[in-house]
Amino acid sequence: MPKYCQINHKNFYLVLLLFIPFIQLCYQTINKNYYQFDIQIYQFLDTQRNFFLDFVFINIYRITGTYFTGLVVLIALVTLIRQRYWQEVKALVFATLGILLLVDEVLKPMFDRPRPFKPRLVNNLSPDSFPSGHAAGNLVFYFYMSFIILARYPHLAKCIYGLSSTLLLLIGFSSVYIKAHWATDILAGYVFGYFWLLISLMLLKFLTRKPR
């Protein structure tokens, strides 16, 4: 069984630092007082669009969507089960299922923010936009798995976290580019996902302290 490192106090300080602007963002969203720079970002992107960028970011969004990410989560669960990492499995189910239910069943209906104006580059999206479950769910899963992998390969920390961070930035930008989400949806998704990730890692640390 791998030995997991302690969660750095800086992670909790970062959550506290982001808490005030996050609450402000939530307050303005629930009062339908949206940020003007969301519109300005789309005005800028509309001047930069071309066939190549459309193709790249549409496919990034689709590949990292619910079905593919669900398949990757399933593969991760099967791998952990085969290694008999039962506590890691429990924490992963808590992390991924929890963020899905909280965002899609609680937060999005509560804020009830419509998605960006049409035409969009993808169709068949749910009506609610804030916060982005796409950003939050992927952040929780990929950073959780990075934490697990680094317990066995700590010398790869920069590489693994660098790849995870790059992937998450591409996911966030692609969601904005194709008009699936406003930029503030993505920012809120990242912050809430990071908060839920810390809770999930704390649960993992608690579970792995118990005798197996």
N, C-alpha and C. Protein backbone atom coordinates (compact mmCIF):
# COMPACT_ATOMS: atom_id res chain seq x y z
N MET A 1 0.84 -1.20 0.00
CA MET A 1 0.00 0.00 0.00
C MET A 1 0.88 1.25 0.00
N PRO A 2 0.62 2.22 -0.87
CA PRO A 2 1.43 3.44 -0.88
C PRO A 2 1.15 4.31 0.33
N LYS A 3 2.15 5.07 0.72
CA LYS A 3 1.98 6.01 1.83
C LYS A 3 1.75 7.39 1.26
N TYR A 4 0.62 8.00 1.61
CA TYR A 4 0.26 9.29 1.04
C TYR A 4 0.86 10.43 1.84
N CYS A 5 1.30 11.45 1.12
CA CYS A 5 1.88 12.61 1.78
C CYS A 5 0.78 13.44 2.44
N GLN A 6 1.20 14.28 3.37
CA GLN A 6 0.25 15.16 4.03
C GLN A 6 -0.25 16.22 3.06
N ILE A 7 -1.49 16.64 3.25
CA ILE A 7 -2.05 17.72 2.44
C ILE A 7 -1.49 19.04 2.96
N ASN A 8 -0.82 19.76 2.10
CA ASN A 8 -0.15 20.99 2.50
C ASN A 8 -1.15 22.02 2.99
N HIS A 9 -0.78 22.73 4.07
CA HIS A 9 -1.66 23.78 4.60
C HIS A 9 -1.90 24.88 3.58
N LYS A 10 -0.98 25.04 2.64
CA LYS A 10 -1.16 26.07 1.61
C LYS A 10 -2.40 25.81 0.78
N ASN A 11 -2.77 24.52 0.63
CA ASN A 11 -3.99 24.20 -0.12
C ASN A 11 -5.22 24.79 0.55
N PHE A 12 -5.28 24.71 1.88
CA PHE A 12 -6.42 25.25 2.60
C PHE A 12 -6.40 26.78 2.61
N TYR A 13 -5.20 27.36 2.67
CA TYR A 13 -5.10 28.82 2.60
C TYR A 13 -5.58 29.32 1.24
N LEU A 14 -5.29 28.55 0.20
CA LEU A 14 -5.73 28.95 -1.13
C LEU A 14 -7.25 28.93 -1.23
N VAL A 15 -7.89 27.91 -0.64
CA VAL A 15 -9.35 27.85 -0.62
C VAL A 15 -9.92 29.07 0.10
N LEU A 16 -9.34 29.42 1.24
CA LEU A 16 -9.81 30.60 1.98
C LEU A 16 -9.62 31.87 1.17
N LEU A 17 -8.50 31.95 0.44
CA LEU A 17 -8.22 33.12 -0.38
C LEU A 17 -9.25 33.27 -1.50
N LEU A 18 -9.67 32.14 -2.05
CA LEU A 18 -10.63 32.16 -3.16
C LEU A 18 -12.08 32.22 -2.69
N PHE A 19 -12.30 32.05 -1.41
CA PHE A 19 -13.66 31.93 -0.90
C PHE A 19 -14.47 33.22 -1.09
N ILE A 20 -13.87 34.37 -0.78
CA ILE A 20 -14.61 35.64 -0.87
C ILE A 20 -15.01 35.96 -2.31
N PRO A 21 -14.07 35.95 -3.28
CA PRO A 21 -14.52 36.21 -4.67
C PRO A 21 -15.49 35.16 -5.18
N PHE A 22 -15.35 33.91 -4.71
CA PHE A 22 -16.28 32.86 -5.13
C PHE A 22 -17.69 33.15 -4.63
N ILE A 23 -17.81 33.55 -3.36
CA ILE A 23 -19.14 33.88 -2.81
C ILE A 23 -19.72 35.10 -3.52
N GLN A 24 -18.87 36.08 -3.84
CA GLN A 24 -19.33 37.25 -4.57
C GLN A 24 -19.85 36.86 -5.94
N LEU A 25 -19.14 35.96 -6.60
CA LEU A 25 -19.56 35.48 -7.92
C LEU A 25 -20.89 34.75 -7.83
N CYS A 26 -21.04 33.92 -6.81
CA CYS A 26 -22.30 33.19 -6.61
C CYS A 26 -23.44 34.16 -6.33
N TYR A 27 -23.18 35.17 -5.51
CA TYR A 27 -24.21 36.15 -5.15
C TYR A 27 -24.70 36.90 -6.39
N GLN A 28 -23.76 37.35 -7.22
CA GLN A 28 -24.14 38.09 -8.41
C GLN A 28 -24.87 37.20 -9.42
N THR A 29 -24.46 35.94 -9.48
CA THR A 29 -25.10 35.01 -10.42
C THR A 29 -26.52 34.71 -10.01
N ILE A 30 -26.74 34.45 -8.73
CA ILE A 30 -28.09 34.10 -8.28
C ILE A 30 -29.03 35.30 -8.37
N ASN A 31 -28.46 36.52 -8.41
CA ASN A 31 -29.26 37.73 -8.58
C ASN A 31 -29.32 38.19 -10.03
N LYS A 32 -28.83 37.33 -10.93
CA LYS A 32 -28.86 37.60 -12.38
C LYS A 32 -28.07 38.86 -12.75
N ASN A 33 -27.08 39.17 -11.94
CA ASN A 33 -26.23 40.33 -12.22
C ASN A 33 -24.89 39.81 -12.73
N TYR A 34 -24.83 39.51 -14.02
CA TYR A 34 -23.69 38.81 -14.58
C TYR A 34 -22.55 39.76 -14.90
N TYR A 35 -21.36 39.17 -15.04
CA TYR A 35 -20.16 39.96 -15.32
C TYR A 35 -20.07 40.32 -16.80
N GLN A 36 -19.73 41.58 -17.05
CA GLN A 36 -19.65 42.06 -18.42
C GLN A 36 -18.50 41.42 -19.19
N PHE A 37 -17.42 41.04 -18.48
CA PHE A 37 -16.28 40.50 -19.22
C PHE A 37 -16.59 39.13 -19.82
N ASP A 38 -17.66 38.46 -19.36
CA ASP A 38 -18.08 37.23 -20.04
C ASP A 38 -18.45 37.53 -21.49
N ILE A 39 -19.17 38.60 -21.70
CA ILE A 39 -19.54 39.02 -23.06
C ILE A 39 -18.30 39.45 -23.83
N GLN A 40 -17.42 40.20 -23.17
CA GLN A 40 -16.22 40.70 -23.85
C GLN A 40 -15.31 39.56 -24.31
N ILE A 41 -15.25 38.49 -23.53
CA ILE A 41 -14.44 37.33 -23.93
C ILE A 41 -14.99 36.72 -25.21
N TYR A 42 -16.32 36.61 -25.31
CA TYR A 42 -16.91 36.03 -26.53
C TYR A 42 -16.75 36.96 -27.72
N GLN A 43 -16.81 38.26 -27.48
CA GLN A 43 -16.58 39.20 -28.57
C GLN A 43 -15.17 39.06 -29.12
N PHE A 44 -14.21 38.83 -28.22
CA PHE A 44 -12.83 38.63 -28.67
C PHE A 44 -12.68 37.29 -29.39
N LEU A 45 -13.25 36.23 -28.84
CA LEU A 45 -13.12 34.90 -29.46
C LEU A 45 -13.76 34.85 -30.84
N ASP A 46 -14.84 35.59 -31.02
CA ASP A 46 -15.51 35.59 -32.32
C ASP A 46 -14.61 36.13 -33.42
N THR A 47 -13.64 36.97 -33.06
CA THR A 47 -12.71 37.52 -34.05
C THR A 47 -11.54 36.57 -34.33
N GLN A 48 -11.41 35.52 -33.51
CA GLN A 48 -10.27 34.61 -33.64
C GLN A 48 -10.63 33.25 -34.20
N ARG A 49 -11.90 32.99 -34.40
CA ARG A 49 -12.34 31.65 -34.78
C ARG A 49 -11.89 31.29 -36.20
N ASN A 50 -11.55 30.02 -36.38
CA ASN A 50 -11.28 29.47 -37.71
C ASN A 50 -11.56 27.97 -37.67
N PHE A 51 -11.50 27.34 -38.81
CA PHE A 51 -11.87 25.92 -38.91
C PHE A 51 -10.98 25.05 -38.03
N PHE A 52 -9.68 25.32 -38.02
CA PHE A 52 -8.76 24.49 -37.24
C PHE A 52 -9.05 24.58 -35.75
N LEU A 53 -9.20 25.80 -35.22
CA LEU A 53 -9.48 25.96 -33.79
C LEU A 53 -10.83 25.36 -33.43
N ASP A 54 -11.81 25.54 -34.30
CA ASP A 54 -13.12 24.93 -34.05
C ASP A 54 -12.99 23.42 -33.92
N PHE A 55 -12.28 22.80 -34.83
CA PHE A 55 -12.11 21.35 -34.82
C PHE A 55 -11.40 20.88 -33.55
N VAL A 56 -10.32 21.57 -33.18
CA VAL A 56 -9.53 21.17 -32.01
C VAL A 56 -10.36 21.25 -30.74
N PHE A 57 -11.01 22.39 -30.50
CA PHE A 57 -11.67 22.59 -29.21
C PHE A 57 -13.02 21.88 -29.12
N ILE A 58 -13.68 21.67 -30.24
CA ILE A 58 -14.89 20.84 -30.21
C ILE A 58 -14.54 19.43 -29.77
N ASN A 59 -13.46 18.89 -30.31
CA ASN A 59 -13.08 17.52 -29.98
C ASN A 59 -12.50 17.40 -28.58
N ILE A 60 -11.79 18.41 -28.11
CA ILE A 60 -11.34 18.38 -26.72
C ILE A 60 -12.54 18.35 -25.78
N TYR A 61 -13.53 19.17 -26.08
CA TYR A 61 -14.72 19.19 -25.23
C TYR A 61 -15.45 17.85 -25.26
N ARG A 62 -15.60 17.28 -26.43
CA ARG A 62 -16.32 16.01 -26.55
C ARG A 62 -15.56 14.86 -25.89
N ILE A 63 -14.25 14.82 -26.11
CA ILE A 63 -13.44 13.73 -25.56
C ILE A 63 -13.42 13.76 -24.04
N THR A 64 -13.47 14.96 -23.48
CA THR A 64 -13.43 15.08 -22.01
C THR A 64 -14.83 15.21 -21.42
N GLY A 65 -15.84 14.86 -22.20
CA GLY A 65 -17.22 14.96 -21.73
C GLY A 65 -17.61 13.83 -20.81
N THR A 66 -18.88 13.77 -20.52
CA THR A 66 -19.41 12.84 -19.50
C THR A 66 -19.11 11.39 -19.82
N TYR A 67 -19.35 10.97 -21.07
CA TYR A 67 -19.23 9.55 -21.40
C TYR A 67 -17.78 9.09 -21.36
N PHE A 68 -16.88 9.87 -21.98
CA PHE A 68 -15.48 9.45 -21.99
C PHE A 68 -14.88 9.51 -20.58
N THR A 69 -15.16 10.60 -19.86
CA THR A 69 -14.64 10.71 -18.50
C THR A 69 -15.20 9.61 -17.61
N GLY A 70 -16.48 9.28 -17.82
CA GLY A 70 -17.06 8.17 -17.07
C GLY A 70 -16.34 6.86 -17.34
N LEU A 71 -15.95 6.64 -18.60
CA LEU A 71 -15.20 5.44 -18.95
C LEU A 71 -13.83 5.43 -18.27
N VAL A 72 -13.17 6.59 -18.25
CA VAL A 72 -11.86 6.68 -17.60
C VAL A 72 -11.98 6.43 -16.10
N VAL A 73 -13.03 6.97 -15.48
CA VAL A 73 -13.27 6.73 -14.05
C VAL A 73 -13.49 5.25 -13.80
N LEU A 74 -14.26 4.61 -14.68
CA LEU A 74 -14.51 3.17 -14.53
C LEU A 74 -13.22 2.37 -14.62
N ILE A 75 -12.36 2.72 -15.56
CA ILE A 75 -11.07 2.05 -15.70
C ILE A 75 -10.23 2.24 -14.45
N ALA A 76 -10.25 3.47 -13.91
CA ALA A 76 -9.49 3.74 -12.68
C ALA A 76 -10.02 2.92 -11.52
N LEU A 77 -11.34 2.80 -11.41
CA LEU A 77 -11.94 2.00 -10.34
C LEU A 77 -11.55 0.53 -10.46
N VAL A 78 -11.63 -0.01 -11.69
CA VAL A 78 -11.27 -1.41 -11.91
C VAL A 78 -9.80 -1.65 -11.56
N THR A 79 -8.95 -0.71 -11.95
CA THR A 79 -7.52 -0.84 -11.64
C THR A 79 -7.27 -0.83 -10.14
N LEU A 80 -7.92 0.08 -9.42
CA LEU A 80 -7.75 0.14 -7.97
C LEU A 80 -8.30 -1.11 -7.29
N ILE A 81 -9.42 -1.62 -7.80
CA ILE A 81 -10.01 -2.83 -7.22
C ILE A 81 -9.08 -4.03 -7.44
N ARG A 82 -8.50 -4.12 -8.62
CA ARG A 82 -7.58 -5.23 -8.89
C ARG A 82 -6.36 -5.17 -8.00
N GLN A 83 -5.95 -3.95 -7.62
CA GLN A 83 -4.83 -3.78 -6.70
C GLN A 83 -5.25 -3.90 -5.24
N ARG A 84 -6.56 -4.11 -5.03
CA ARG A 84 -7.14 -4.21 -3.68
C ARG A 84 -6.94 -2.93 -2.86
N TYR A 85 -7.03 -1.81 -3.53
CA TYR A 85 -6.98 -0.51 -2.85
C TYR A 85 -8.41 -0.08 -2.53
N TRP A 86 -9.00 -0.75 -1.56
CA TRP A 86 -10.42 -0.56 -1.27
C TRP A 86 -10.72 0.85 -0.76
N GLN A 87 -9.86 1.38 0.08
CA GLN A 87 -10.11 2.71 0.63
C GLN A 87 -10.01 3.79 -0.46
N GLU A 88 -9.08 3.58 -1.38
CA GLU A 88 -8.94 4.52 -2.49
C GLU A 88 -10.18 4.48 -3.40
N VAL A 89 -10.74 3.28 -3.55
CA VAL A 89 -11.97 3.13 -4.34
C VAL A 89 -13.12 3.90 -3.68
N LYS A 90 -13.26 3.73 -2.36
CA LYS A 90 -14.34 4.43 -1.65
C LYS A 90 -14.21 5.94 -1.79
N ALA A 91 -12.99 6.43 -1.62
CA ALA A 91 -12.78 7.88 -1.71
C ALA A 91 -13.00 8.39 -3.13
N LEU A 92 -12.63 7.57 -4.14
CA LEU A 92 -12.84 7.99 -5.53
C LEU A 92 -14.32 8.04 -5.86
N VAL A 93 -15.09 7.07 -5.41
CA VAL A 93 -16.54 7.10 -5.63
C VAL A 93 -17.15 8.32 -4.94
N PHE A 94 -16.73 8.57 -3.72
CA PHE A 94 -17.21 9.76 -3.00
C PHE A 94 -16.88 11.03 -3.76
N ALA A 95 -15.64 11.11 -4.28
CA ALA A 95 -15.19 12.32 -4.96
C ALA A 95 -15.96 12.56 -6.26
N THR A 96 -16.03 11.54 -7.11
CA THR A 96 -16.61 11.73 -8.44
C THR A 96 -18.14 11.77 -8.41
N LEU A 97 -18.75 10.86 -7.67
CA LEU A 97 -20.21 10.86 -7.59
C LEU A 97 -20.70 12.08 -6.82
N GLY A 98 -19.96 12.46 -5.79
CA GLY A 98 -20.36 13.61 -4.98
C GLY A 98 -20.36 14.90 -5.77
N ILE A 99 -19.29 15.14 -6.55
CA ILE A 99 -19.21 16.38 -7.32
C ILE A 99 -20.28 16.41 -8.40
N LEU A 100 -20.57 15.25 -8.99
CA LEU A 100 -21.61 15.18 -10.02
C LEU A 100 -22.98 15.54 -9.45
N LEU A 101 -23.33 14.96 -8.31
CA LEU A 101 -24.63 15.22 -7.71
C LEU A 101 -24.74 16.66 -7.21
N LEU A 102 -23.69 17.16 -6.58
CA LEU A 102 -23.75 18.51 -6.03
C LEU A 102 -23.91 19.56 -7.12
N VAL A 103 -23.14 19.42 -8.19
CA VAL A 103 -23.20 20.42 -9.26
C VAL A 103 -24.49 20.31 -10.06
N ASP A 104 -24.80 19.11 -10.54
CA ASP A 104 -25.94 18.94 -11.45
C ASP A 104 -27.30 18.96 -10.77
N GLU A 105 -27.36 18.45 -9.54
CA GLU A 105 -28.64 18.32 -8.86
C GLU A 105 -28.92 19.41 -7.84
N VAL A 106 -27.89 20.11 -7.40
CA VAL A 106 -28.08 21.13 -6.36
C VAL A 106 -27.72 22.53 -6.88
N LEU A 107 -26.47 22.72 -7.28
CA LEU A 107 -25.99 24.07 -7.60
C LEU A 107 -26.58 24.63 -8.89
N LYS A 108 -26.55 23.85 -9.96
CA LYS A 108 -27.07 24.38 -11.23
C LYS A 108 -28.55 24.75 -11.15
N PRO A 109 -29.41 23.89 -10.60
CA PRO A 109 -30.82 24.30 -10.48
C PRO A 109 -30.99 25.51 -9.56
N MET A 110 -30.15 25.63 -8.54
CA MET A 110 -30.29 26.75 -7.61
C MET A 110 -29.94 28.08 -8.28
N PHE A 111 -28.84 28.11 -9.06
CA PHE A 111 -28.43 29.36 -9.70
C PHE A 111 -29.19 29.61 -10.99
N ASP A 112 -29.57 28.55 -11.70
CA ASP A 112 -30.44 28.66 -12.87
C ASP A 112 -29.92 29.69 -13.88
N ARG A 113 -28.65 29.63 -14.18
CA ARG A 113 -28.08 30.55 -15.16
C ARG A 113 -28.12 29.92 -16.55
N PRO A 114 -28.66 30.62 -17.53
CA PRO A 114 -28.70 30.05 -18.89
C PRO A 114 -27.31 29.99 -19.52
N ARG A 115 -27.15 29.06 -20.43
CA ARG A 115 -25.87 28.94 -21.13
C ARG A 115 -25.66 30.11 -22.10
N PRO A 116 -24.44 30.27 -22.61
CA PRO A 116 -24.18 31.36 -23.56
C PRO A 116 -25.11 31.32 -24.76
N PHE A 117 -25.26 32.47 -25.37
CA PHE A 117 -26.16 32.63 -26.50
C PHE A 117 -25.73 31.77 -27.69
N LYS A 118 -26.72 31.41 -28.49
CA LYS A 118 -26.44 30.65 -29.71
C LYS A 118 -26.03 31.59 -30.82
N PRO A 119 -25.38 31.08 -31.90
CA PRO A 119 -25.13 29.65 -32.18
C PRO A 119 -23.95 29.12 -31.39
N ARG A 120 -24.07 27.86 -30.94
CA ARG A 120 -22.98 27.17 -30.26
C ARG A 120 -22.36 26.16 -31.22
N LEU A 121 -21.19 25.68 -30.84
CA LEU A 121 -20.51 24.70 -31.68
C LEU A 121 -20.86 23.27 -31.30
N VAL A 122 -21.64 23.10 -30.23
CA VAL A 122 -22.15 21.78 -29.85
C VAL A 122 -23.63 21.92 -29.51
N ASN A 123 -24.34 20.82 -29.57
CA ASN A 123 -25.76 20.83 -29.28
C ASN A 123 -26.08 19.87 -28.13
N ASN A 124 -27.36 19.80 -27.81
CA ASN A 124 -27.86 18.85 -26.80
C ASN A 124 -27.24 19.07 -25.41
N LEU A 125 -27.11 20.35 -25.02
CA LEU A 125 -26.61 20.67 -23.70
C LEU A 125 -27.77 20.93 -22.75
N SER A 126 -27.57 20.63 -21.49
CA SER A 126 -28.58 20.96 -20.48
C SER A 126 -28.72 22.48 -20.39
N PRO A 127 -29.86 22.99 -19.92
CA PRO A 127 -30.07 24.44 -19.95
C PRO A 127 -29.23 25.23 -18.94
N ASP A 128 -28.90 24.62 -17.80
CA ASP A 128 -28.21 25.36 -16.74
C ASP A 128 -26.70 25.36 -16.94
N SER A 129 -26.06 26.47 -16.52
CA SER A 129 -24.67 26.68 -16.87
C SER A 129 -23.73 26.84 -15.68
N PHE A 130 -24.21 27.34 -14.56
CA PHE A 130 -23.33 27.74 -13.45
C PHE A 130 -23.53 26.86 -12.22
N PRO A 131 -22.43 26.36 -11.64
CA PRO A 131 -21.04 26.35 -12.12
C PRO A 131 -20.82 25.22 -13.11
N SER A 132 -19.67 25.19 -13.72
CA SER A 132 -19.38 24.17 -14.74
C SER A 132 -19.07 22.83 -14.08
N GLY A 133 -19.94 21.86 -14.29
CA GLY A 133 -19.64 20.50 -13.83
C GLY A 133 -18.53 19.87 -14.63
N HIS A 134 -18.39 20.28 -15.88
CA HIS A 134 -17.32 19.79 -16.74
C HIS A 134 -15.96 20.12 -16.14
N ALA A 135 -15.80 21.38 -15.71
CA ALA A 135 -14.54 21.81 -15.10
C ALA A 135 -14.35 21.21 -13.72
N ALA A 136 -15.39 21.25 -12.90
CA ALA A 136 -15.28 20.75 -11.52
C ALA A 136 -15.01 19.25 -11.48
N GLY A 137 -15.77 18.47 -12.25
CA GLY A 137 -15.64 17.03 -12.22
C GLY A 137 -14.28 16.55 -12.71
N ASN A 138 -13.80 17.15 -13.81
CA ASN A 138 -12.50 16.76 -14.32
C ASN A 138 -11.38 17.15 -13.38
N LEU A 139 -11.48 18.32 -12.75
CA LEU A 139 -10.46 18.73 -11.78
C LEU A 139 -10.38 17.73 -10.63
N VAL A 140 -11.53 17.37 -10.08
CA VAL A 140 -11.55 16.43 -8.95
C VAL A 140 -10.94 15.10 -9.36
N PHE A 141 -11.35 14.56 -10.49
CA PHE A 141 -10.89 13.23 -10.88
C PHE A 141 -9.39 13.21 -11.20
N TYR A 142 -8.94 14.12 -12.06
CA TYR A 142 -7.54 14.05 -12.51
C TYR A 142 -6.56 14.41 -11.40
N PHE A 143 -6.91 15.35 -10.54
CA PHE A 143 -6.00 15.65 -9.44
C PHE A 143 -6.05 14.57 -8.36
N TYR A 144 -7.20 13.95 -8.17
CA TYR A 144 -7.29 12.83 -7.23
C TYR A 144 -6.39 11.69 -7.70
N MET A 145 -6.49 11.33 -8.97
CA MET A 145 -5.67 10.25 -9.50
C MET A 145 -4.19 10.64 -9.51
N SER A 146 -3.88 11.90 -9.72
CA SER A 146 -2.49 12.35 -9.63
C SER A 146 -1.94 12.13 -8.23
N PHE A 147 -2.77 12.43 -7.23
CA PHE A 147 -2.37 12.23 -5.83
C PHE A 147 -2.09 10.76 -5.56
N ILE A 148 -2.93 9.87 -6.09
CA ILE A 148 -2.76 8.43 -5.91
C ILE A 148 -1.47 7.95 -6.59
N ILE A 149 -1.27 8.36 -7.83
CA ILE A 149 -0.10 7.92 -8.60
C ILE A 149 1.19 8.40 -7.96
N LEU A 150 1.19 9.63 -7.48
CA LEU A 150 2.41 10.21 -6.93
C LEU A 150 2.83 9.57 -5.61
N ALA A 151 1.90 8.88 -4.96
CA ALA A 151 2.29 8.14 -3.75
C ALA A 151 3.28 7.03 -4.09
N ARG A 152 3.21 6.51 -5.32
CA ARG A 152 4.12 5.45 -5.76
C ARG A 152 5.28 6.00 -6.58
N TYR A 153 5.04 7.13 -7.26
CA TYR A 153 6.09 7.69 -8.12
C TYR A 153 6.29 9.17 -7.81
N PRO A 154 6.77 9.49 -6.61
CA PRO A 154 6.89 10.90 -6.21
C PRO A 154 7.85 11.71 -7.08
N HIS A 155 8.81 11.04 -7.71
CA HIS A 155 9.78 11.75 -8.55
C HIS A 155 9.15 12.29 -9.82
N LEU A 156 7.91 11.88 -10.11
CA LEU A 156 7.22 12.35 -11.32
C LEU A 156 6.23 13.49 -11.02
N ALA A 157 6.36 14.09 -9.85
CA ALA A 157 5.37 15.09 -9.40
C ALA A 157 5.19 16.23 -10.39
N LYS A 158 6.27 16.84 -10.82
CA LYS A 158 6.16 17.98 -11.73
C LYS A 158 5.52 17.57 -13.05
N CYS A 159 5.90 16.42 -13.55
CA CYS A 159 5.37 15.96 -14.83
C CYS A 159 3.88 15.66 -14.73
N ILE A 160 3.47 14.92 -13.69
CA ILE A 160 2.08 14.51 -13.57
C ILE A 160 1.17 15.69 -13.29
N TYR A 161 1.55 16.54 -12.33
CA TYR A 161 0.72 17.71 -12.04
C TYR A 161 0.73 18.70 -13.20
N GLY A 162 1.85 18.76 -13.92
CA GLY A 162 1.90 19.64 -15.10
C GLY A 162 0.94 19.17 -16.18
N LEU A 163 0.91 17.85 -16.43
CA LEU A 163 -0.01 17.30 -17.43
C LEU A 163 -1.46 17.49 -17.01
N SER A 164 -1.75 17.23 -15.74
CA SER A 164 -3.13 17.38 -15.24
C SER A 164 -3.58 18.83 -15.36
N SER A 165 -2.71 19.76 -14.98
CA SER A 165 -3.07 21.18 -15.03
C SER A 165 -3.28 21.65 -16.46
N THR A 166 -2.41 21.19 -17.37
CA THR A 166 -2.56 21.56 -18.78
C THR A 166 -3.87 21.04 -19.35
N LEU A 167 -4.19 19.79 -19.02
CA LEU A 167 -5.44 19.20 -19.49
C LEU A 167 -6.64 19.98 -18.97
N LEU A 168 -6.62 20.37 -17.71
CA LEU A 168 -7.74 21.10 -17.13
C LEU A 168 -7.90 22.48 -17.74
N LEU A 169 -6.79 23.13 -18.04
CA LEU A 169 -6.87 24.43 -18.70
C LEU A 169 -7.46 24.30 -20.10
N LEU A 170 -7.08 23.25 -20.82
CA LEU A 170 -7.63 23.00 -22.15
C LEU A 170 -9.13 22.71 -22.07
N ILE A 171 -9.53 21.93 -21.06
CA ILE A 171 -10.95 21.62 -20.87
C ILE A 171 -11.74 22.91 -20.61
N GLY A 172 -11.21 23.74 -19.71
CA GLY A 172 -11.90 24.98 -19.40
C GLY A 172 -12.01 25.91 -20.60
N PHE A 173 -10.90 26.07 -21.32
CA PHE A 173 -10.91 26.98 -22.47
C PHE A 173 -11.81 26.45 -23.58
N SER A 174 -11.78 25.13 -23.81
CA SER A 174 -12.63 24.56 -24.87
C SER A 174 -14.11 24.77 -24.54
N SER A 175 -14.48 24.68 -23.26
CA SER A 175 -15.88 24.88 -22.86
C SER A 175 -16.33 26.30 -23.16
N VAL A 176 -15.43 27.26 -22.96
CA VAL A 176 -15.75 28.66 -23.27
C VAL A 176 -15.76 28.88 -24.78
N TYR A 177 -14.77 28.33 -25.46
CA TYR A 177 -14.63 28.56 -26.90
C TYR A 177 -15.85 28.09 -27.67
N ILE A 178 -16.37 26.92 -27.31
CA ILE A 178 -17.51 26.38 -28.07
C ILE A 178 -18.85 26.91 -27.57
N LYS A 179 -18.80 27.81 -26.59
CA LYS A 179 -19.99 28.45 -26.02
C LYS A 179 -20.87 27.49 -25.21
N ALA A 180 -20.21 26.51 -24.58
CA ALA A 180 -20.93 25.65 -23.65
C ALA A 180 -21.05 26.30 -22.28
N HIS A 181 -20.09 27.17 -21.95
CA HIS A 181 -20.06 27.82 -20.64
C HIS A 181 -19.53 29.24 -20.77
N TRP A 182 -19.96 30.08 -19.83
CA TRP A 182 -19.34 31.38 -19.63
C TRP A 182 -18.02 31.17 -18.89
N ALA A 183 -17.11 32.13 -19.03
CA ALA A 183 -15.82 32.02 -18.34
C ALA A 183 -16.00 31.96 -16.83
N THR A 184 -16.97 32.70 -16.31
CA THR A 184 -17.20 32.67 -14.85
C THR A 184 -17.75 31.33 -14.39
N ASP A 185 -18.45 30.60 -15.27
CA ASP A 185 -18.88 29.24 -14.94
C ASP A 185 -17.67 28.35 -14.69
N ILE A 186 -16.67 28.50 -15.55
CA ILE A 186 -15.46 27.69 -15.46
C ILE A 186 -14.69 28.02 -14.18
N LEU A 187 -14.53 29.32 -13.90
CA LEU A 187 -13.81 29.74 -12.70
C LEU A 187 -14.50 29.19 -11.45
N ALA A 188 -15.82 29.30 -11.40
CA ALA A 188 -16.56 28.79 -10.26
C ALA A 188 -16.43 27.27 -10.17
N GLY A 189 -16.44 26.58 -11.31
CA GLY A 189 -16.27 25.13 -11.32
C GLY A 189 -14.91 24.71 -10.79
N TYR A 190 -13.88 25.44 -11.18
CA TYR A 190 -12.53 25.14 -10.67
C TYR A 190 -12.46 25.31 -9.15
N VAL A 191 -13.00 26.43 -8.66
CA VAL A 191 -12.91 26.70 -7.22
C VAL A 191 -13.70 25.67 -6.42
N PHE A 192 -14.94 25.41 -6.84
CA PHE A 192 -15.74 24.43 -6.10
C PHE A 192 -15.14 23.03 -6.23
N GLY A 193 -14.63 22.69 -7.42
CA GLY A 193 -14.00 21.40 -7.61
C GLY A 193 -12.77 21.24 -6.72
N TYR A 194 -11.98 22.30 -6.58
CA TYR A 194 -10.79 22.26 -5.73
C TYR A 194 -11.18 22.06 -4.27
N PHE A 195 -12.23 22.75 -3.86
CA PHE A 195 -12.74 22.59 -2.49
C PHE A 195 -13.19 21.14 -2.25
N TRP A 196 -13.92 20.56 -3.19
CA TRP A 196 -14.39 19.18 -3.04
C TRP A 196 -13.23 18.19 -3.12
N LEU A 197 -12.23 18.51 -3.91
CA LEU A 197 -11.04 17.66 -3.99
C LEU A 197 -10.36 17.56 -2.63
N LEU A 198 -10.20 18.68 -1.95
CA LEU A 198 -9.56 18.66 -0.63
C LEU A 198 -10.37 17.83 0.36
N ILE A 199 -11.69 17.94 0.31
CA ILE A 199 -12.53 17.12 1.18
C ILE A 199 -12.33 15.63 0.86
N SER A 200 -12.26 15.30 -0.41
CA SER A 200 -12.08 13.91 -0.83
C SER A 200 -10.72 13.37 -0.40
N LEU A 201 -9.69 14.20 -0.51
CA LEU A 201 -8.36 13.76 -0.10
C LEU A 201 -8.26 13.61 1.42
N MET A 202 -8.97 14.47 2.13
CA MET A 202 -9.02 14.31 3.58
C MET A 202 -9.71 13.01 3.96
N LEU A 203 -10.77 12.67 3.24
CA LEU A 203 -11.45 11.38 3.48
C LEU A 203 -10.50 10.23 3.17
N LEU A 204 -9.76 10.32 2.07
CA LEU A 204 -8.80 9.28 1.73
C LEU A 204 -7.76 9.11 2.83
N LYS A 205 -7.23 10.22 3.33
CA LYS A 205 -6.24 10.14 4.41
C LYS A 205 -6.83 9.49 5.64
N PHE A 206 -8.07 9.81 5.95
CA PHE A 206 -8.74 9.22 7.11
C PHE A 206 -8.94 7.72 6.92
N LEU A 207 -9.40 7.31 5.74
CA LEU A 207 -9.65 5.91 5.48
C LEU A 207 -8.37 5.08 5.49
N THR A 208 -7.31 5.62 4.95
CA THR A 208 -6.06 4.84 4.85
C THR A 208 -5.31 4.81 6.16
N ARG A 209 -5.75 5.56 7.16
CA ARG A 209 -5.14 5.44 8.49
C ARG A 209 -5.70 4.28 9.25
N LYS A 210 -6.85 3.76 8.81
CA LYS A 210 -7.46 2.64 9.50
C LYS A 210 -6.71 1.34 9.15
N PRO A 211 -6.69 0.36 10.07
CA PRO A 211 -6.10 -0.94 9.75
C PRO A 211 -6.87 -1.59 8.61
N ARG A 212 -6.15 -2.22 7.68
CA ARG A 212 -6.79 -2.89 6.54
C ARG A 212 -7.04 -4.34 6.87
